[in-house]
N, C-alpha and C. Protein backbone atom coordinates (compact mmCIF):
# COMPACT_ATOMS: atom_id res chain seq x y z
N MET A 1 73.10 -15.17 96.71
CA MET A 1 73.52 -14.24 95.65
C MET A 1 72.96 -12.87 95.94
N LYS A 2 71.82 -12.72 96.28
CA LYS A 2 71.18 -11.46 96.59
C LYS A 2 71.84 -10.81 97.79
N ARG A 3 72.23 -11.63 98.79
CA ARG A 3 72.89 -11.11 99.96
C ARG A 3 74.23 -10.54 99.59
N ARG A 4 74.92 -11.15 98.65
CA ARG A 4 76.24 -10.69 98.25
C ARG A 4 76.14 -9.37 97.55
N VAL A 5 75.15 -9.17 96.74
CA VAL A 5 74.96 -7.91 96.03
C VAL A 5 74.67 -6.80 97.02
N CYS A 6 73.86 -7.10 98.01
CA CYS A 6 73.51 -6.08 99.02
C CYS A 6 74.77 -5.63 99.80
N GLY A 7 75.61 -6.65 100.09
CA GLY A 7 76.85 -6.29 100.80
C GLY A 7 77.76 -5.45 99.97
N LEU A 8 77.80 -5.68 98.68
CA LEU A 8 78.64 -4.88 97.78
C LEU A 8 78.14 -3.45 97.69
N LEU A 9 76.85 -3.31 97.61
CA LEU A 9 76.26 -1.96 97.51
C LEU A 9 76.53 -1.16 98.79
N LEU A 10 76.46 -1.90 99.91
CA LEU A 10 76.71 -1.22 101.19
C LEU A 10 78.16 -0.72 101.29
N ALA A 11 79.06 -1.54 100.77
CA ALA A 11 80.47 -1.14 100.81
C ALA A 11 80.73 0.08 99.95
N ILE A 12 80.06 0.06 98.78
CA ILE A 12 80.23 1.20 97.85
C ILE A 12 79.69 2.48 98.47
N SER A 13 78.54 2.35 99.17
CA SER A 13 77.94 3.54 99.77
C SER A 13 78.81 4.12 100.89
N ILE A 14 79.48 3.20 101.62
CA ILE A 14 80.37 3.67 102.70
C ILE A 14 81.55 4.42 102.13
N ILE A 15 82.08 3.90 101.00
CA ILE A 15 83.25 4.56 100.37
C ILE A 15 82.88 5.91 99.83
N CYS A 16 81.75 6.04 99.22
CA CYS A 16 81.34 7.28 98.56
C CYS A 16 80.82 8.32 99.54
N LEU A 17 80.56 7.93 100.82
CA LEU A 17 79.96 8.85 101.78
C LEU A 17 80.84 10.09 102.04
N PRO A 18 82.15 9.96 102.25
CA PRO A 18 82.95 11.19 102.49
C PRO A 18 82.96 12.14 101.33
N VAL A 19 82.94 11.60 100.10
CA VAL A 19 82.96 12.47 98.92
C VAL A 19 81.73 13.30 98.87
N GLN A 20 80.60 12.68 99.25
CA GLN A 20 79.35 13.42 99.20
C GLN A 20 79.34 14.51 100.27
N GLN A 21 79.98 14.16 101.47
CA GLN A 21 79.99 15.18 102.51
C GLN A 21 80.87 16.37 102.14
N VAL A 22 81.98 16.10 101.41
CA VAL A 22 82.88 17.20 101.00
C VAL A 22 82.20 18.12 100.05
N TYR A 23 81.45 17.55 99.13
CA TYR A 23 80.80 18.35 98.10
C TYR A 23 79.37 18.64 98.42
N ALA A 24 79.00 18.52 99.69
CA ALA A 24 77.62 18.82 100.05
C ALA A 24 77.42 20.31 99.97
N ALA A 25 76.30 20.72 99.39
CA ALA A 25 76.00 22.14 99.20
C ALA A 25 75.56 22.75 100.50
N PRO A 26 75.92 23.93 100.80
CA PRO A 26 75.47 24.59 102.02
C PRO A 26 74.00 24.86 101.98
N ALA A 27 73.44 24.92 103.23
CA ALA A 27 72.01 25.15 103.32
C ALA A 27 71.70 26.59 103.07
N GLY A 28 70.50 26.90 102.74
CA GLY A 28 70.05 28.28 102.56
C GLY A 28 70.09 28.69 101.13
N PRO A 29 70.01 29.96 100.88
CA PRO A 29 69.91 30.49 99.53
C PRO A 29 71.14 30.23 98.72
N ALA A 30 72.28 30.13 99.38
CA ALA A 30 73.49 29.88 98.61
C ALA A 30 73.54 28.50 98.07
N ALA A 31 72.70 27.53 98.62
CA ALA A 31 72.72 26.14 98.16
C ALA A 31 72.27 26.05 96.74
N HIS A 32 71.29 26.85 96.34
CA HIS A 32 70.79 26.81 94.98
C HIS A 32 71.84 27.29 93.99
N GLU A 33 72.57 28.26 94.45
CA GLU A 33 73.59 28.82 93.58
C GLU A 33 74.74 27.87 93.44
N HIS A 34 75.07 27.15 94.54
CA HIS A 34 76.18 26.24 94.55
C HIS A 34 75.93 25.03 93.72
N LYS A 35 74.65 24.64 93.53
CA LYS A 35 74.34 23.44 92.78
C LYS A 35 74.80 23.61 91.35
N HIS A 36 74.80 24.80 90.81
CA HIS A 36 75.12 25.00 89.39
C HIS A 36 76.60 25.17 89.15
N LYS A 37 77.41 25.26 90.26
CA LYS A 37 78.86 25.39 90.08
C LYS A 37 79.49 24.04 90.15
N HIS A 38 80.43 23.79 89.29
CA HIS A 38 81.14 22.53 89.26
C HIS A 38 82.46 22.68 89.96
N PRO A 39 82.84 21.70 90.73
CA PRO A 39 84.14 21.79 91.41
C PRO A 39 85.29 21.81 90.41
N VAL A 40 86.35 22.57 90.77
CA VAL A 40 87.51 22.69 89.89
C VAL A 40 88.44 21.53 90.16
N PRO A 41 88.78 20.76 89.10
CA PRO A 41 89.68 19.63 89.29
C PRO A 41 90.98 20.11 89.93
N PRO A 42 91.61 19.20 90.72
CA PRO A 42 92.83 19.61 91.44
C PRO A 42 93.91 20.12 90.56
N HIS A 43 94.18 19.49 89.41
CA HIS A 43 95.30 19.95 88.59
C HIS A 43 95.04 21.32 88.00
N GLU A 44 93.75 21.61 87.69
CA GLU A 44 93.41 22.92 87.16
C GLU A 44 93.45 23.97 88.25
N LYS A 45 93.11 23.54 89.52
CA LYS A 45 93.10 24.47 90.65
C LYS A 45 94.50 24.99 90.93
N GLU A 46 95.49 24.13 90.82
CA GLU A 46 96.88 24.58 91.06
C GLU A 46 97.29 25.60 90.03
N GLU A 47 96.89 25.34 88.77
CA GLU A 47 97.22 26.29 87.73
C GLU A 47 96.53 27.62 87.94
N PHE A 48 95.32 27.56 88.43
CA PHE A 48 94.51 28.75 88.61
C PHE A 48 95.05 29.61 89.75
N GLU A 49 95.52 28.89 90.83
CA GLU A 49 95.98 29.61 92.01
C GLU A 49 97.45 30.01 91.93
N LYS A 50 98.16 29.64 90.89
CA LYS A 50 99.56 29.98 90.75
C LYS A 50 99.71 31.50 90.61
N PRO A 51 100.47 32.10 91.49
CA PRO A 51 100.56 33.58 91.42
C PRO A 51 101.27 34.04 90.15
N SER A 52 100.69 35.05 89.61
CA SER A 52 101.28 35.59 88.37
C SER A 52 102.49 36.44 88.70
N GLU A 53 103.48 36.36 87.84
CA GLU A 53 104.72 37.12 88.04
C GLU A 53 104.45 38.61 87.83
N PRO A 54 105.02 39.44 88.71
CA PRO A 54 104.76 40.90 88.57
C PRO A 54 105.37 41.45 87.29
N THR A 55 104.59 42.28 86.69
CA THR A 55 105.04 42.91 85.45
C THR A 55 105.97 44.06 85.78
N VAL A 56 107.19 43.95 85.27
CA VAL A 56 108.19 44.99 85.54
C VAL A 56 108.12 46.03 84.44
N ALA A 57 107.85 47.25 84.86
CA ALA A 57 107.77 48.33 83.88
C ALA A 57 109.15 48.66 83.37
N PRO A 58 109.31 48.84 82.11
CA PRO A 58 110.64 49.17 81.55
C PRO A 58 111.15 50.49 82.11
N THR A 59 112.39 50.40 82.55
CA THR A 59 112.99 51.63 83.10
C THR A 59 113.41 52.54 81.96
N SER A 60 113.12 53.78 82.16
CA SER A 60 113.47 54.75 81.12
C SER A 60 114.87 55.29 81.38
N THR A 61 115.66 55.37 80.37
CA THR A 61 117.03 55.89 80.49
C THR A 61 116.97 57.41 80.68
N PRO A 62 117.55 57.90 81.83
CA PRO A 62 117.48 59.36 82.05
C PRO A 62 118.25 60.12 80.99
N THR A 63 117.59 61.14 80.53
CA THR A 63 118.22 61.97 79.51
C THR A 63 119.06 63.04 80.18
N ALA A 64 120.35 63.11 79.84
CA ALA A 64 121.26 64.08 80.46
C ALA A 64 120.88 65.48 80.02
N ALA A 65 120.82 66.37 81.00
CA ALA A 65 120.49 67.76 80.67
C ALA A 65 121.63 68.38 79.89
N PRO A 66 121.31 69.14 78.88
CA PRO A 66 122.38 69.76 78.08
C PRO A 66 123.19 70.74 78.92
N THR A 67 124.51 70.59 78.86
CA THR A 67 125.39 71.49 79.64
C THR A 67 125.49 72.83 78.93
N ALA A 68 125.44 73.90 79.75
CA ALA A 68 125.51 75.25 79.18
C ALA A 68 126.94 75.57 78.79
N THR A 69 127.11 76.12 77.65
CA THR A 69 128.45 76.52 77.19
C THR A 69 128.90 77.76 77.95
N PRO A 70 130.04 77.67 78.68
CA PRO A 70 130.47 78.84 79.47
C PRO A 70 130.78 80.03 78.58
N LYS A 71 130.36 81.21 79.08
CA LYS A 71 130.62 82.43 78.32
C LYS A 71 132.09 82.82 78.47
N PRO A 72 132.68 83.33 77.45
CA PRO A 72 134.09 83.75 77.57
C PRO A 72 134.22 84.89 78.57
N THR A 73 135.23 84.76 79.46
CA THR A 73 135.44 85.80 80.49
C THR A 73 135.99 87.05 79.83
N GLU A 74 135.47 88.18 80.30
CA GLU A 74 135.92 89.46 79.76
C GLU A 74 137.09 89.98 80.59
N THR A 75 138.14 90.37 79.93
CA THR A 75 139.30 90.93 80.63
C THR A 75 138.98 92.35 81.07
N PRO A 76 139.06 92.62 82.42
CA PRO A 76 138.71 93.96 82.88
C PRO A 76 139.70 94.99 82.36
N VAL A 77 139.16 96.11 81.93
CA VAL A 77 139.99 97.20 81.42
C VAL A 77 140.48 98.01 82.61
N PRO A 78 141.80 98.14 82.81
CA PRO A 78 142.30 98.89 83.97
C PRO A 78 141.88 100.35 83.91
N THR A 79 141.38 100.82 85.04
CA THR A 79 140.96 102.21 85.12
C THR A 79 142.16 103.09 85.39
N ALA A 80 142.18 104.22 84.79
CA ALA A 80 143.31 105.14 84.95
C ALA A 80 143.26 105.75 86.34
N VAL A 81 144.40 105.68 87.04
CA VAL A 81 144.50 106.27 88.38
C VAL A 81 144.78 107.75 88.23
N PRO A 82 143.92 108.60 88.82
CA PRO A 82 144.16 110.04 88.68
C PRO A 82 145.44 110.46 89.37
N THR A 83 146.18 111.29 88.73
CA THR A 83 147.42 111.80 89.29
C THR A 83 147.11 112.95 90.23
N VAL A 84 147.55 112.79 91.49
CA VAL A 84 147.29 113.82 92.49
C VAL A 84 148.44 114.82 92.45
N VAL A 85 148.11 116.02 92.13
CA VAL A 85 149.11 117.08 92.07
C VAL A 85 149.15 117.75 93.44
N PRO A 86 150.30 117.73 94.10
CA PRO A 86 150.36 118.38 95.42
C PRO A 86 150.08 119.85 95.33
N SER A 87 149.26 120.29 96.25
CA SER A 87 148.91 121.71 96.27
C SER A 87 150.10 122.54 96.71
N GLU A 88 150.21 123.68 96.13
CA GLU A 88 151.33 124.56 96.45
C GLU A 88 151.08 125.22 97.80
N VAL A 89 152.09 125.17 98.64
CA VAL A 89 151.99 125.79 99.95
C VAL A 89 152.41 127.24 99.82
N PRO A 90 151.57 128.15 100.31
CA PRO A 90 151.98 129.56 100.24
C PRO A 90 153.30 129.79 100.95
N GLU A 91 154.09 130.69 100.38
CA GLU A 91 155.41 130.92 100.93
C GLU A 91 155.39 131.38 102.37
N GLU A 92 154.32 132.14 102.75
CA GLU A 92 154.29 132.65 104.10
C GLU A 92 154.05 131.54 105.13
N ASP A 93 153.51 130.37 104.69
CA ASP A 93 153.24 129.29 105.62
C ASP A 93 154.43 128.35 105.81
N VAL A 94 155.46 128.49 104.98
CA VAL A 94 156.61 127.61 105.06
C VAL A 94 157.58 128.15 106.11
N GLU A 95 157.89 127.29 107.09
CA GLU A 95 158.84 127.69 108.12
C GLU A 95 160.25 127.34 107.68
N GLU A 96 161.05 128.35 107.47
CA GLU A 96 162.42 128.14 107.04
C GLU A 96 163.34 127.96 108.25
N ALA A 97 164.35 127.11 108.08
CA ALA A 97 165.32 126.92 109.16
C ALA A 97 166.09 128.22 109.35
N PRO A 98 166.32 128.59 110.59
CA PRO A 98 167.03 129.85 110.84
C PRO A 98 168.45 129.80 110.29
N THR A 99 168.85 130.84 109.61
CA THR A 99 170.21 130.91 109.06
C THR A 99 171.13 131.56 110.09
N THR A 100 172.42 131.63 109.71
CA THR A 100 173.40 132.24 110.61
C THR A 100 173.05 133.69 110.91
N SER A 101 172.63 134.41 109.87
CA SER A 101 172.34 135.83 110.06
C SER A 101 171.11 136.04 110.92
N THR A 102 170.08 135.20 110.76
CA THR A 102 168.87 135.37 111.57
C THR A 102 169.14 135.04 113.03
N LEU A 103 169.95 134.03 113.30
CA LEU A 103 170.29 133.71 114.68
C LEU A 103 171.14 134.82 115.30
N GLY A 104 172.07 135.34 114.53
CA GLY A 104 172.90 136.43 115.03
C GLY A 104 172.07 137.66 115.34
N CYS A 105 171.11 137.96 114.47
CA CYS A 105 170.23 139.11 114.71
C CYS A 105 169.36 138.90 115.94
N ALA A 106 168.93 137.64 116.17
CA ALA A 106 168.13 137.35 117.36
C ALA A 106 168.95 137.57 118.62
N VAL A 107 170.24 137.21 118.56
CA VAL A 107 171.14 137.43 119.70
C VAL A 107 171.26 138.93 119.98
N VAL A 108 171.44 139.70 118.93
CA VAL A 108 171.59 141.15 119.08
C VAL A 108 170.32 141.77 119.66
N LYS A 109 169.17 141.38 119.14
CA LYS A 109 167.90 141.92 119.62
C LYS A 109 167.69 141.62 121.10
N TYR A 110 168.08 140.42 121.52
CA TYR A 110 167.93 140.04 122.93
C TYR A 110 168.89 140.82 123.81
N ALA A 111 170.12 141.04 123.32
CA ALA A 111 171.15 141.72 124.12
C ALA A 111 170.84 143.21 124.31
N LEU A 112 170.25 143.83 123.30
CA LEU A 112 170.02 145.28 123.36
C LEU A 112 169.00 145.67 124.43
N GLN A 113 168.14 144.74 124.82
CA GLN A 113 167.13 145.11 125.83
C GLN A 113 167.73 145.29 127.22
N PHE A 114 169.01 144.93 127.39
CA PHE A 114 169.66 145.07 128.71
C PHE A 114 170.59 146.28 128.77
N VAL A 115 170.60 147.06 127.71
CA VAL A 115 171.43 148.28 127.70
C VAL A 115 170.94 149.22 128.82
N GLY A 116 171.91 149.72 129.56
CA GLY A 116 171.59 150.61 130.68
C GLY A 116 171.68 149.91 132.02
N ASN A 117 171.69 148.58 132.03
CA ASN A 117 171.81 147.85 133.29
C ASN A 117 173.24 147.93 133.80
N PRO A 118 173.45 147.71 135.11
CA PRO A 118 174.78 147.95 135.71
C PRO A 118 175.85 146.91 135.34
N TYR A 119 177.07 147.35 135.45
CA TYR A 119 178.23 146.47 135.31
C TYR A 119 178.61 146.01 136.70
N LYS A 120 179.05 144.74 136.79
CA LYS A 120 179.51 144.20 138.06
C LYS A 120 180.62 143.21 137.78
N TYR A 121 181.77 143.46 138.37
CA TYR A 121 182.91 142.57 138.13
C TYR A 121 182.59 141.19 138.71
N GLY A 122 182.79 140.13 137.85
CA GLY A 122 182.53 138.76 138.24
C GLY A 122 181.05 138.39 138.19
N GLY A 123 180.17 139.35 137.81
CA GLY A 123 178.74 139.08 137.78
C GLY A 123 178.28 138.47 136.45
N THR A 124 177.13 137.79 136.49
CA THR A 124 176.54 137.18 135.27
C THR A 124 175.06 137.53 135.12
N SER A 125 174.56 138.40 135.99
CA SER A 125 173.14 138.75 135.93
C SER A 125 172.93 139.87 134.91
N LEU A 126 171.99 139.63 134.00
CA LEU A 126 171.71 140.62 132.96
C LEU A 126 170.95 141.81 133.50
N THR A 127 170.39 141.70 134.68
CA THR A 127 169.62 142.80 135.26
C THR A 127 170.30 143.43 136.48
N ASN A 128 170.95 142.60 137.28
CA ASN A 128 171.55 143.10 138.51
C ASN A 128 173.04 143.39 138.39
N GLY A 129 173.61 143.03 137.26
CA GLY A 129 175.02 143.36 137.05
C GLY A 129 175.82 142.19 136.51
N ALA A 130 176.64 142.46 135.50
CA ALA A 130 177.51 141.45 134.91
C ALA A 130 178.75 142.13 134.36
N ASP A 131 179.87 141.39 134.31
CA ASP A 131 181.06 141.92 133.63
C ASP A 131 180.97 141.53 132.16
N CYS A 132 182.01 141.84 131.39
CA CYS A 132 181.93 141.65 129.93
C CYS A 132 181.71 140.20 129.52
N SER A 133 182.53 139.31 130.09
CA SER A 133 182.40 137.88 129.71
C SER A 133 181.14 137.25 130.32
N GLY A 134 180.73 137.72 131.51
CA GLY A 134 179.51 137.22 132.13
C GLY A 134 178.29 137.64 131.32
N PHE A 135 178.33 138.88 130.79
CA PHE A 135 177.23 139.37 129.94
C PHE A 135 177.11 138.51 128.67
N VAL A 136 178.24 138.27 127.99
CA VAL A 136 178.22 137.45 126.75
C VAL A 136 177.76 136.03 127.05
N GLN A 137 178.28 135.46 128.13
CA GLN A 137 177.91 134.08 128.48
C GLN A 137 176.40 133.95 128.73
N SER A 138 175.82 134.91 129.45
CA SER A 138 174.39 134.85 129.78
C SER A 138 173.52 135.09 128.54
N ILE A 139 173.95 135.96 127.65
CA ILE A 139 173.18 136.21 126.41
C ILE A 139 173.10 134.94 125.57
N TYR A 140 174.21 134.27 125.35
CA TYR A 140 174.21 133.07 124.51
C TYR A 140 173.58 131.86 125.22
N ALA A 141 173.61 131.85 126.55
CA ALA A 141 172.94 130.76 127.28
C ALA A 141 171.44 130.77 127.01
N HIS A 142 170.89 131.97 126.73
CA HIS A 142 169.46 132.08 126.41
C HIS A 142 169.13 131.32 125.13
N PHE A 143 170.12 131.13 124.26
CA PHE A 143 169.94 130.40 122.99
C PHE A 143 170.54 129.00 123.05
N ASP A 144 170.63 128.47 124.26
CA ASP A 144 171.14 127.10 124.49
C ASP A 144 172.55 126.91 123.95
N CYS A 145 173.38 127.96 124.07
CA CYS A 145 174.77 127.87 123.63
C CYS A 145 175.66 128.15 124.84
N GLU A 146 176.46 127.16 125.22
CA GLU A 146 177.31 127.31 126.40
C GLU A 146 178.68 127.86 126.00
N LEU A 147 179.04 128.93 126.66
CA LEU A 147 180.36 129.53 126.45
C LEU A 147 181.14 129.49 127.75
N GLU A 148 182.45 129.57 127.63
CA GLU A 148 183.31 129.58 128.81
C GLU A 148 183.11 130.88 129.59
N ARG A 149 183.60 130.90 130.82
CA ARG A 149 183.30 132.02 131.71
C ARG A 149 184.18 133.25 131.45
N THR A 150 185.41 133.11 131.09
CA THR A 150 186.31 134.26 130.94
C THR A 150 186.53 134.61 129.48
N SER A 151 186.83 135.85 129.21
CA SER A 151 187.02 136.32 127.84
C SER A 151 188.25 135.71 127.19
N SER A 152 189.30 135.46 127.98
CA SER A 152 190.52 134.88 127.41
C SER A 152 190.27 133.47 126.88
N VAL A 153 189.44 132.70 127.57
CA VAL A 153 189.12 131.35 127.10
C VAL A 153 188.10 131.41 125.97
N GLN A 154 187.15 132.32 126.06
CA GLN A 154 186.15 132.48 124.98
C GLN A 154 186.84 132.81 123.66
N ALA A 155 187.92 133.57 123.71
CA ALA A 155 188.65 133.96 122.49
C ALA A 155 189.25 132.74 121.79
N LYS A 156 189.44 131.64 122.52
CA LYS A 156 190.02 130.43 121.94
C LYS A 156 188.95 129.39 121.57
N THR A 157 187.85 129.38 122.30
CA THR A 157 186.91 128.25 122.14
C THR A 157 185.51 128.63 121.65
N ALA A 158 185.14 129.88 121.74
CA ALA A 158 183.76 130.26 121.40
C ALA A 158 183.50 130.08 119.90
N GLY A 159 182.32 129.57 119.59
CA GLY A 159 181.91 129.45 118.19
C GLY A 159 182.67 128.40 117.42
N TYR A 160 182.67 128.55 116.10
CA TYR A 160 183.25 127.53 115.23
C TYR A 160 184.28 128.06 114.26
N MET A 161 184.45 129.41 114.18
CA MET A 161 185.44 129.95 113.23
C MET A 161 185.87 131.35 113.65
N GLU A 162 187.07 131.69 113.19
CA GLU A 162 187.60 133.05 113.39
C GLU A 162 187.26 133.89 112.17
N VAL A 163 186.93 135.15 112.41
CA VAL A 163 186.48 136.05 111.34
C VAL A 163 187.47 137.21 111.21
N ALA A 164 187.64 137.63 109.96
CA ALA A 164 188.54 138.78 109.72
C ALA A 164 187.94 140.04 110.32
N LEU A 165 188.79 140.87 110.86
CA LEU A 165 188.34 142.11 111.51
C LEU A 165 188.09 143.21 110.48
N LYS A 166 187.10 142.95 109.62
CA LYS A 166 186.68 143.95 108.64
C LYS A 166 185.17 144.09 108.76
N GLU A 167 184.73 145.31 108.67
CA GLU A 167 183.28 145.54 108.81
C GLU A 167 182.50 144.79 107.75
N SER A 168 183.10 144.62 106.57
CA SER A 168 182.42 143.90 105.48
C SER A 168 182.32 142.40 105.76
N GLU A 169 183.17 141.90 106.65
CA GLU A 169 183.18 140.47 106.97
C GLU A 169 182.40 140.14 108.25
N LEU A 170 182.25 141.09 109.10
CA LEU A 170 181.58 140.86 110.37
C LEU A 170 180.06 140.77 110.20
N GLN A 171 179.45 139.94 111.04
CA GLN A 171 177.99 139.77 111.03
C GLN A 171 177.45 139.99 112.44
N PRO A 172 176.16 140.38 112.56
CA PRO A 172 175.56 140.54 113.89
C PRO A 172 175.66 139.24 114.68
N GLY A 173 176.09 139.35 115.92
CA GLY A 173 176.25 138.19 116.78
C GLY A 173 177.68 137.73 116.90
N ASP A 174 178.57 138.20 116.05
CA ASP A 174 179.98 137.83 116.16
C ASP A 174 180.56 138.43 117.44
N LEU A 175 181.57 137.76 117.99
CA LEU A 175 182.23 138.24 119.20
C LEU A 175 183.52 138.96 118.84
N ILE A 176 183.70 140.18 119.40
CA ILE A 176 184.91 140.96 119.17
C ILE A 176 185.72 140.93 120.46
N PHE A 177 187.01 140.56 120.34
CA PHE A 177 187.89 140.45 121.52
C PHE A 177 188.96 141.55 121.46
N TYR A 178 189.33 142.01 122.70
CA TYR A 178 190.34 143.06 122.84
C TYR A 178 191.44 142.54 123.75
N ALA A 179 192.69 142.89 123.39
CA ALA A 179 193.84 142.38 124.14
C ALA A 179 194.83 143.52 124.40
N ASN A 180 195.72 143.28 125.35
CA ASN A 180 196.77 144.26 125.63
C ASN A 180 197.90 144.09 124.63
N SER A 181 198.95 144.80 124.85
CA SER A 181 200.08 144.78 123.91
C SER A 181 200.78 143.42 123.88
N ASN A 182 200.57 142.63 124.91
CA ASN A 182 201.18 141.30 124.96
C ASN A 182 200.27 140.20 124.35
N GLY A 183 199.12 140.59 123.83
CA GLY A 183 198.21 139.62 123.22
C GLY A 183 197.34 138.88 124.22
N VAL A 184 197.27 139.40 125.42
CA VAL A 184 196.41 138.77 126.44
C VAL A 184 195.03 139.41 126.36
N VAL A 185 194.04 138.60 126.07
CA VAL A 185 192.66 139.08 125.93
C VAL A 185 192.10 139.42 127.30
N TYR A 186 191.46 140.60 127.40
CA TYR A 186 190.88 141.01 128.67
C TYR A 186 189.45 141.54 128.54
N HIS A 187 188.97 141.67 127.26
CA HIS A 187 187.61 142.20 127.09
C HIS A 187 186.95 141.55 125.87
N VAL A 188 185.58 141.50 125.92
CA VAL A 188 184.80 140.92 124.83
C VAL A 188 183.51 141.70 124.66
N ALA A 189 183.03 141.80 123.40
CA ALA A 189 181.78 142.51 123.09
C ALA A 189 181.04 141.76 121.97
N ILE A 190 179.75 142.10 121.78
CA ILE A 190 178.93 141.45 120.74
C ILE A 190 178.72 142.46 119.62
N TYR A 191 179.07 142.05 118.42
CA TYR A 191 178.90 142.93 117.25
C TYR A 191 177.42 142.99 116.89
N ILE A 192 176.90 144.24 116.69
CA ILE A 192 175.47 144.40 116.40
C ILE A 192 175.23 144.92 114.98
N GLY A 193 176.29 145.16 114.23
CA GLY A 193 176.16 145.70 112.88
C GLY A 193 176.45 147.19 112.84
N ASP A 194 176.65 147.66 111.61
CA ASP A 194 176.95 149.09 111.38
C ASP A 194 178.18 149.55 112.16
N GLY A 195 179.14 148.64 112.38
CA GLY A 195 180.40 149.01 113.03
C GLY A 195 180.27 149.22 114.52
N LYS A 196 179.22 148.68 115.15
CA LYS A 196 179.00 148.90 116.58
C LYS A 196 178.95 147.58 117.34
N VAL A 197 179.18 147.70 118.69
CA VAL A 197 179.09 146.54 119.58
C VAL A 197 178.27 146.92 120.81
N VAL A 198 177.69 145.88 121.47
CA VAL A 198 177.04 146.05 122.77
C VAL A 198 177.87 145.25 123.77
N HIS A 199 178.11 145.82 124.95
CA HIS A 199 179.01 145.15 125.90
C HIS A 199 178.82 145.76 127.29
N ALA A 200 179.28 144.99 128.27
CA ALA A 200 179.35 145.51 129.64
C ALA A 200 180.70 146.20 129.77
N ALA A 201 180.71 147.51 129.61
CA ALA A 201 181.96 148.26 129.46
C ALA A 201 182.75 148.37 130.76
N ASN A 202 182.15 149.00 131.76
CA ASN A 202 182.81 149.21 133.05
C ASN A 202 181.76 149.66 134.05
N SER A 203 182.22 149.91 135.28
CA SER A 203 181.27 150.29 136.32
C SER A 203 180.68 151.66 136.09
N ARG A 204 181.34 152.50 135.34
CA ARG A 204 180.84 153.85 135.06
C ARG A 204 179.79 153.85 133.96
N LYS A 205 180.02 153.09 132.89
CA LYS A 205 179.10 153.09 131.75
C LYS A 205 178.06 151.97 131.81
N GLY A 206 178.39 150.89 132.53
CA GLY A 206 177.48 149.76 132.58
C GLY A 206 177.38 149.04 131.23
N ILE A 207 176.19 148.47 130.93
CA ILE A 207 175.96 147.79 129.62
C ILE A 207 175.61 148.89 128.63
N THR A 208 176.40 148.99 127.57
CA THR A 208 176.26 150.12 126.66
C THR A 208 176.59 149.72 125.22
N ILE A 209 176.42 150.68 124.30
CA ILE A 209 176.74 150.49 122.88
C ILE A 209 177.92 151.38 122.54
N SER A 210 178.88 150.80 121.77
CA SER A 210 180.07 151.57 121.38
C SER A 210 180.45 151.19 119.95
N GLU A 211 181.35 152.01 119.35
CA GLU A 211 181.95 151.63 118.07
C GLU A 211 182.86 150.43 118.32
N TYR A 212 182.88 149.50 117.39
CA TYR A 212 183.69 148.30 117.62
C TYR A 212 185.18 148.63 117.61
N THR A 213 185.53 149.83 117.12
CA THR A 213 186.94 150.27 117.10
C THR A 213 187.22 151.26 118.22
N TYR A 214 186.34 151.34 119.24
CA TYR A 214 186.58 152.29 120.33
C TYR A 214 187.90 151.94 121.02
N MET A 215 188.29 150.68 120.93
CA MET A 215 189.64 150.22 121.28
C MET A 215 190.10 149.37 120.10
N LYS A 216 191.38 149.13 120.05
CA LYS A 216 191.88 148.32 118.93
C LYS A 216 191.44 146.86 119.13
N PRO A 217 190.62 146.32 118.18
CA PRO A 217 190.18 144.92 118.31
C PRO A 217 191.33 143.96 118.04
N TYR A 218 191.27 142.85 118.72
CA TYR A 218 192.35 141.85 118.60
C TYR A 218 191.96 140.70 117.66
N LYS A 219 190.75 140.22 117.82
CA LYS A 219 190.27 139.09 116.97
C LYS A 219 188.74 139.04 117.05
N ALA A 220 188.14 138.25 116.15
CA ALA A 220 186.68 138.04 116.14
C ALA A 220 186.38 136.58 115.86
N ARG A 221 185.32 136.11 116.50
CA ARG A 221 184.89 134.72 116.26
C ARG A 221 183.38 134.68 116.05
N ARG A 222 182.98 133.71 115.22
CA ARG A 222 181.54 133.55 114.90
C ARG A 222 180.98 132.36 115.68
N VAL A 223 179.90 132.62 116.42
CA VAL A 223 179.27 131.57 117.22
C VAL A 223 178.17 130.88 116.43
N PHE A 224 177.31 131.63 115.75
CA PHE A 224 176.22 131.07 114.92
C PHE A 224 176.51 131.32 113.46
């Protein structure tokens, strides 16, 4: 009987040996402290070690910023455009288009500077000699006006109109034609005003000034 009890105690001690080793206190100063702590039962340990759920902070609803009330647009007031008054141009600065009388006078002024130069039959030179129709043709050529070479043809084609043979109707620059009794034109002169003409008269007189009635005039034509 005693032997059986001893064997039972030995078995119990063998079973309990691992538990004692698990809960054996560490050596040193911490052993004294560990003796007073009690092991946490397994079911309580799980509860203790269960991670706590993170606390979610309540989200705040963003407050919308107040929208600014748009200011009413101002209608721009149209500015008055100043009226520009054109400055008056002095009369002396205005170039007027040459009239018929001014062109005719220019022809006369140009022709008179050759008075005294020689006459030459068939010539057209205002300085070295010209006949009547050659003199007239060269004078008007200076003003970019082309006339025919002979007086008989000039009497039909020169200028733009025929003029009455009256001193009151004639103007400076008009052409005066002379013809024989058969109406054949043989001479021409340039009217210069005051009842006078300038012309290449003949070899004796050369380029000279005469009364427009020094011979009986046949017809007159206006070039300008």
